C-alpha atoms as a PDB file:
ATOM      1  CA  MET A   1     -11.434  78.561   0.223  1.00  0.00           C
ATOM      2  CA  THR A   2     -13.543  78.017  -2.094  1.00  0.00           C
ATOM      3  CA  THR A   3     -14.463  73.517  -2.489  1.00  0.00           C
ATOM      4  CA  VAL A   4     -11.960  73.678  -5.502  1.00  0.00           C
ATOM      5  CA  GLU A   5      -9.066  74.541  -3.607  1.00  0.00           C
ATOM      6  CA  LYS A   6      -9.889  72.514  -0.499  1.00  0.00           C
ATOM      7  CA  VAL A   7      -9.812  69.402  -2.801  1.00  0.00           C
ATOM      8  CA  ALA A   8      -6.823  71.079  -4.408  1.00  0.00           C
ATOM      9  CA  LEU A   9      -5.397  70.521  -0.858  1.00  0.00           C
ATOM     10  CA  LEU A  10      -6.153  67.079   0.050  1.00  0.00           C
ATOM     11  CA  LYS A  11      -5.342  65.429  -3.287  1.00  0.00           C
ATOM     12  CA  GLY A  12      -1.846  66.746  -1.966  1.00  0.00           C
ATOM     13  CA  VAL A  13      -2.087  65.209   1.668  1.00  0.00           C
ATOM     14  CA  ALA A  14      -0.616  61.314   2.088  1.00  0.00           C
ATOM     15  CA  LEU A  15      -3.879  60.588   4.274  1.00  0.00           C
ATOM     16  CA  PHE A  16      -5.763  61.131   0.764  1.00  0.00           C
ATOM     17  CA  ALA A  17      -3.595  59.548  -1.979  1.00  0.00           C
ATOM     18  CA  ALA A  18      -5.804  57.110  -2.616  1.00  0.00           C
ATOM     19  CA  VAL A  19      -8.549  59.163  -2.567  1.00  0.00           C
ATOM     20  CA  PRO A  20     -10.351  59.756  -6.420  1.00  0.00           C
ATOM     21  CA  ALA A  21     -10.958  63.742  -6.228  1.00  0.00           C
ATOM     22  CA  ASP A  22     -14.837  63.127  -7.143  1.00  0.00           C
ATOM     23  CA  GLU A  23     -15.089  62.408  -3.859  1.00  0.00           C
ATOM     24  CA  LEU A  24     -13.229  64.220  -1.983  1.00  0.00           C
ATOM     25  CA  ALA A  25     -14.539  67.271  -3.014  1.00  0.00           C
ATOM     26  CA  ALA A  26     -17.751  64.981  -0.380  1.00  0.00           C
ATOM     27  CA  ILE A  27     -14.742  65.691   1.967  1.00  0.00           C
ATOM     28  CA  ALA A  28     -14.002  69.445   1.165  1.00  0.00           C
ATOM     29  CA  ARG A  29     -17.521  70.452   2.056  1.00  0.00           C
ATOM     30  CA  ILE A  30     -17.547  69.091   5.213  1.00  0.00           C
ATOM     31  CA  ALA A  31     -13.573  70.637   6.190  1.00  0.00           C
ATOM     32  CA  GLU A  32     -14.105  74.178   8.266  1.00  0.00           C
ATOM     33  CA  GLU A  33     -11.650  77.079   7.756  1.00  0.00           C
ATOM     34  CA  LEU A  34      -9.831  77.587  10.864  1.00  0.00           C
ATOM     35  CA  ARG A  35      -7.406  81.009  11.553  1.00  0.00           C
ATOM     36  CA  VAL A  36      -4.882  80.791  14.670  1.00  0.00           C
ATOM     37  CA  ASP A  37      -2.913  83.380  15.773  1.00  0.00           C
ATOM     38  CA  ALA A  38       1.344  82.571  16.467  1.00  0.00           C
ATOM     39  CA  GLY A  39       1.391  81.682  19.511  1.00  0.00           C
ATOM     40  CA  GLU A  40      -1.662  80.263  20.682  1.00  0.00           C
ATOM     41  CA  CYS A  41      -2.248  76.699  21.198  1.00  0.00           C
ATOM     42  CA  VAL A  42      -4.239  74.348  18.684  1.00  0.00           C
ATOM     43  CA  ILE A  43      -4.272  71.344  20.939  1.00  0.00           C
ATOM     44  CA  ARG A  44      -3.645  70.717  23.710  1.00  0.00           C
ATOM     45  CA  GLU A  45      -1.962  67.060  25.500  1.00  0.00           C
ATOM     46  CA  GLY A  46      -4.474  65.282  27.242  1.00  0.00           C
ATOM     47  CA  GLU A  47      -7.584  66.662  26.256  1.00  0.00           C
ATOM     48  CA  LEU A  48     -10.022  64.871  24.545  1.00  0.00           C
ATOM     49  CA  GLY A  49     -10.055  64.399  20.506  1.00  0.00           C
ATOM     50  CA  ASP A  50     -12.516  65.289  18.553  1.00  0.00           C
ATOM     51  CA  ALA A  51     -11.205  66.020  14.928  1.00  0.00           C
ATOM     52  CA  LEU A  52      -8.061  65.840  12.410  1.00  0.00           C
ATOM     53  CA  TYR A  53      -6.195  69.127  11.772  1.00  0.00           C
ATOM     54  CA  PHE A  54      -4.253  69.738   7.987  1.00  0.00           C
ATOM     55  CA  VAL A  55      -1.950  72.638   8.169  1.00  0.00           C
ATOM     56  CA  VAL A  56      -3.008  74.787   4.345  1.00  0.00           C
ATOM     57  CA  ASP A  57      -0.430  77.398   5.088  1.00  0.00           C
ATOM     58  CA  GLY A  58       1.394  78.945   8.234  1.00  0.00           C
ATOM     59  CA  ARG A  59       4.122  76.872  10.399  1.00  0.00           C
ATOM     60  CA  ALA A  60       3.124  74.254  14.096  1.00  0.00           C
ATOM     61  CA  THR A  61       5.366  73.350  16.138  1.00  0.00           C
ATOM     62  CA  VAL A  62       4.456  69.813  18.241  1.00  0.00           C
ATOM     63  CA  ARG A  63       5.014  68.660  21.932  1.00  0.00           C
ATOM     64  CA  ARG A  64       4.249  66.099  23.888  1.00  0.00           C
ATOM     65  CA  GLY A  65       5.601  65.734  27.968  1.00  0.00           C
ATOM     66  CA  GLY A  66       7.297  69.269  27.072  1.00  0.00           C
ATOM     67  CA  ARG A  67       9.036  67.934  24.956  1.00  0.00           C
ATOM     68  CA  HIS A  68       9.810  69.321  20.953  1.00  0.00           C
ATOM     69  CA  LEU A  69       8.671  66.446  18.995  1.00  0.00           C
ATOM     70  CA  ALA A  70       8.375  68.009  15.223  1.00  0.00           C
ATOM     71  CA  GLU A  71       7.699  70.743  13.249  1.00  0.00           C
ATOM     72  CA  LEU A  72       4.468  70.983  11.065  1.00  0.00           C
ATOM     73  CA  ALA A  73       3.988  73.175   7.451  1.00  0.00           C
ATOM     74  CA  GLN A  74       1.771  73.148   4.608  1.00  0.00           C
ATOM     75  CA  ARG A  75      -0.131  69.559   4.060  1.00  0.00           C
ATOM     76  CA  ASP A  76       0.810  68.519   6.737  1.00  0.00           C
ATOM     77  CA  VAL A  77      -2.008  66.352   9.097  1.00  0.00           C
ATOM     78  CA  PHE A  78      -2.443  66.229  12.780  1.00  0.00           C
ATOM     79  CA  GLY A  79      -5.271  65.002  14.987  1.00  0.00           C
ATOM     80  CA  GLU A  80      -6.096  61.812  12.768  1.00  0.00           C
ATOM     81  CA  LEU A  81      -6.268  59.529  15.774  1.00  0.00           C
ATOM     82  CA  ALA A  82      -9.099  61.353  16.653  1.00  0.00           C
ATOM     83  CA  LEU A  83     -10.785  60.540  14.346  1.00  0.00           C
ATOM     84  CA  LEU A  84     -10.756  56.597  14.924  1.00  0.00           C
ATOM     85  CA  ASP A  85     -10.681  57.265  18.965  1.00  0.00           C
ATOM     86  CA  PRO A  86     -12.258  59.626  21.194  1.00  0.00           C
ATOM     87  CA  GLY A  87      -9.459  59.605  23.632  1.00  0.00           C
ATOM     88  CA  PRO A  88      -6.818  62.126  25.365  1.00  0.00           C
ATOM     89  CA  ARG A  89      -5.047  64.035  22.651  1.00  0.00           C
ATOM     90  CA  SER A  90      -1.057  62.548  23.009  1.00  0.00           C
ATOM     91  CA  ALA A  91       0.530  65.759  22.310  1.00  0.00           C
ATOM     92  CA  THR A  92      -0.039  69.981  21.907  1.00  0.00           C
ATOM     93  CA  VAL A  93       0.281  71.539  18.759  1.00  0.00           C
ATOM     94  CA  ASP A  94       0.583  75.634  19.227  1.00  0.00           C
ATOM     95  CA  ALA A  95       0.872  77.958  16.492  1.00  0.00           C
ATOM     96  CA  ALA A  96       4.932  78.796  15.239  1.00  0.00           C
ATOM     97  CA  SER A  97       3.692  81.773  13.077  1.00  0.00           C
ATOM     98  CA  ASP A  98       0.116  82.596  12.120  1.00  0.00           C
ATOM     99  CA  LEU A  99      -1.972  79.443  11.231  1.00  0.00           C
ATOM    100  CA  GLN A 100      -4.732  78.600   8.347  1.00  0.00           C
ATOM    101  CA  LEU A 101      -6.387  75.145   8.937  1.00  0.00           C
ATOM    102  CA  LEU A 102      -8.790  72.712   7.645  1.00  0.00           C
ATOM    103  CA  ARG A 103     -10.145  70.964  10.808  1.00  0.00           C
ATOM    104  CA  ILE A 104     -12.872  68.340  10.363  1.00  0.00           C
ATOM    105  CA  SER A 105     -14.982  66.846  13.112  1.00  0.00           C
ATOM    106  CA  ARG A 106     -14.462  63.370  14.462  1.00  0.00           C
ATOM    107  CA  ASP A 107     -19.380  63.033  13.771  1.00  0.00           C
ATOM    108  CA  ASP A 108     -18.608  64.413   9.910  1.00  0.00           C
ATOM    109  CA  PHE A 109     -15.260  61.953   9.326  1.00  0.00           C
ATOM    110  CA  VAL A 110     -17.277  59.062  10.274  1.00  0.00           C
ATOM    111  CA  GLU A 111     -19.928  59.499   7.901  1.00  0.00           C
ATOM    112  CA  ILE A 112     -16.972  59.865   4.869  1.00  0.00           C
ATOM    113  CA  LEU A 113     -16.015  56.408   6.230  1.00  0.00           C
ATOM    114  CA  THR A 114     -18.975  54.604   6.342  1.00  0.00           C
ATOM    115  CA  SER A 115     -19.331  55.933   2.975  1.00  0.00           C
ATOM    116  CA  ARG A 116     -16.221  56.359   1.078  1.00  0.00           C
ATOM    117  CA  PRO A 117     -13.653  52.757   1.745  1.00  0.00           C
ATOM    118  CA  GLU A 118     -11.308  54.921  -0.139  1.00  0.00           C
ATOM    119  CA  VAL A 119     -10.776  57.060   3.429  1.00  0.00           C
ATOM    120  CA  PRO A 120     -10.453  54.532   5.601  1.00  0.00           C
ATOM    121  CA  LEU A 121      -7.357  52.916   4.037  1.00  0.00           C
ATOM    122  CA  GLY A 122      -5.361  56.727   3.562  1.00  0.00           C
ATOM    123  CA  VAL A 123      -6.132  57.276   7.856  1.00  0.00           C
ATOM    124  CA  ILE A 124      -4.297  53.461   8.478  1.00  0.00           C
ATOM    125  CA  LYS A 125      -1.364  54.079   5.816  1.00  0.00           C
ATOM    126  CA  MET A 126      -1.244  57.476   7.858  1.00  0.00           C
ATOM    127  CA  LEU A 127      -1.225  55.880  11.525  1.00  0.00           C
ATOM    128  CA  ALA A 128       0.874  52.825  10.359  1.00  0.00           C
ATOM    129  CA  ARG A 129       3.920  55.388   8.938  1.00  0.00           C
ATOM    130  CA  ARG A 130       3.318  57.270  11.898  1.00  0.00           C
ATOM    131  CA  MET A 131       3.597  54.707  14.055  1.00  0.00           C
ATOM    132  CA  ARG A 132       7.304  53.357  12.273  1.00  0.00           C
ATOM    133  CA  GLU A 133       8.419  57.105  13.205  1.00  0.00           C
ATOM    134  CA  VAL A 134       7.481  56.512  16.875  1.00  0.00           C
ATOM    135  CA  ILE A 135       9.224  52.966  16.877  1.00  0.00           C
ATOM    136  CA  ALA A 136      12.284  54.456  15.108  1.00  0.00           C
END
């Protein structure tokens, strides 16, 4: 994917809704493309988290304690807690189909957070939304 294609994808993700397009280019440059075959595990519950993932194409399933929690598809985000806390993953995400992902490591993201104040606000809003979903 080109940087322009990555920016277009990121622009449609709630996490970065408040970030201007020119600043999204910096985020797009640190986003690594990743392909995962159907049936493979992307992240595993209990493992230490070190990255956030965006679904570019394909479908994934989210499980906690073996229980199905959610389905993920294009423009969905997972692993966002790992950007703020290197603790254990709270769920397992498996590829339900071949997946094309963008991966942003915590170390790279911390650099973006310190230089672009709109980005932390987006992360906080997404985490608050996820907390409401869990509590409801």
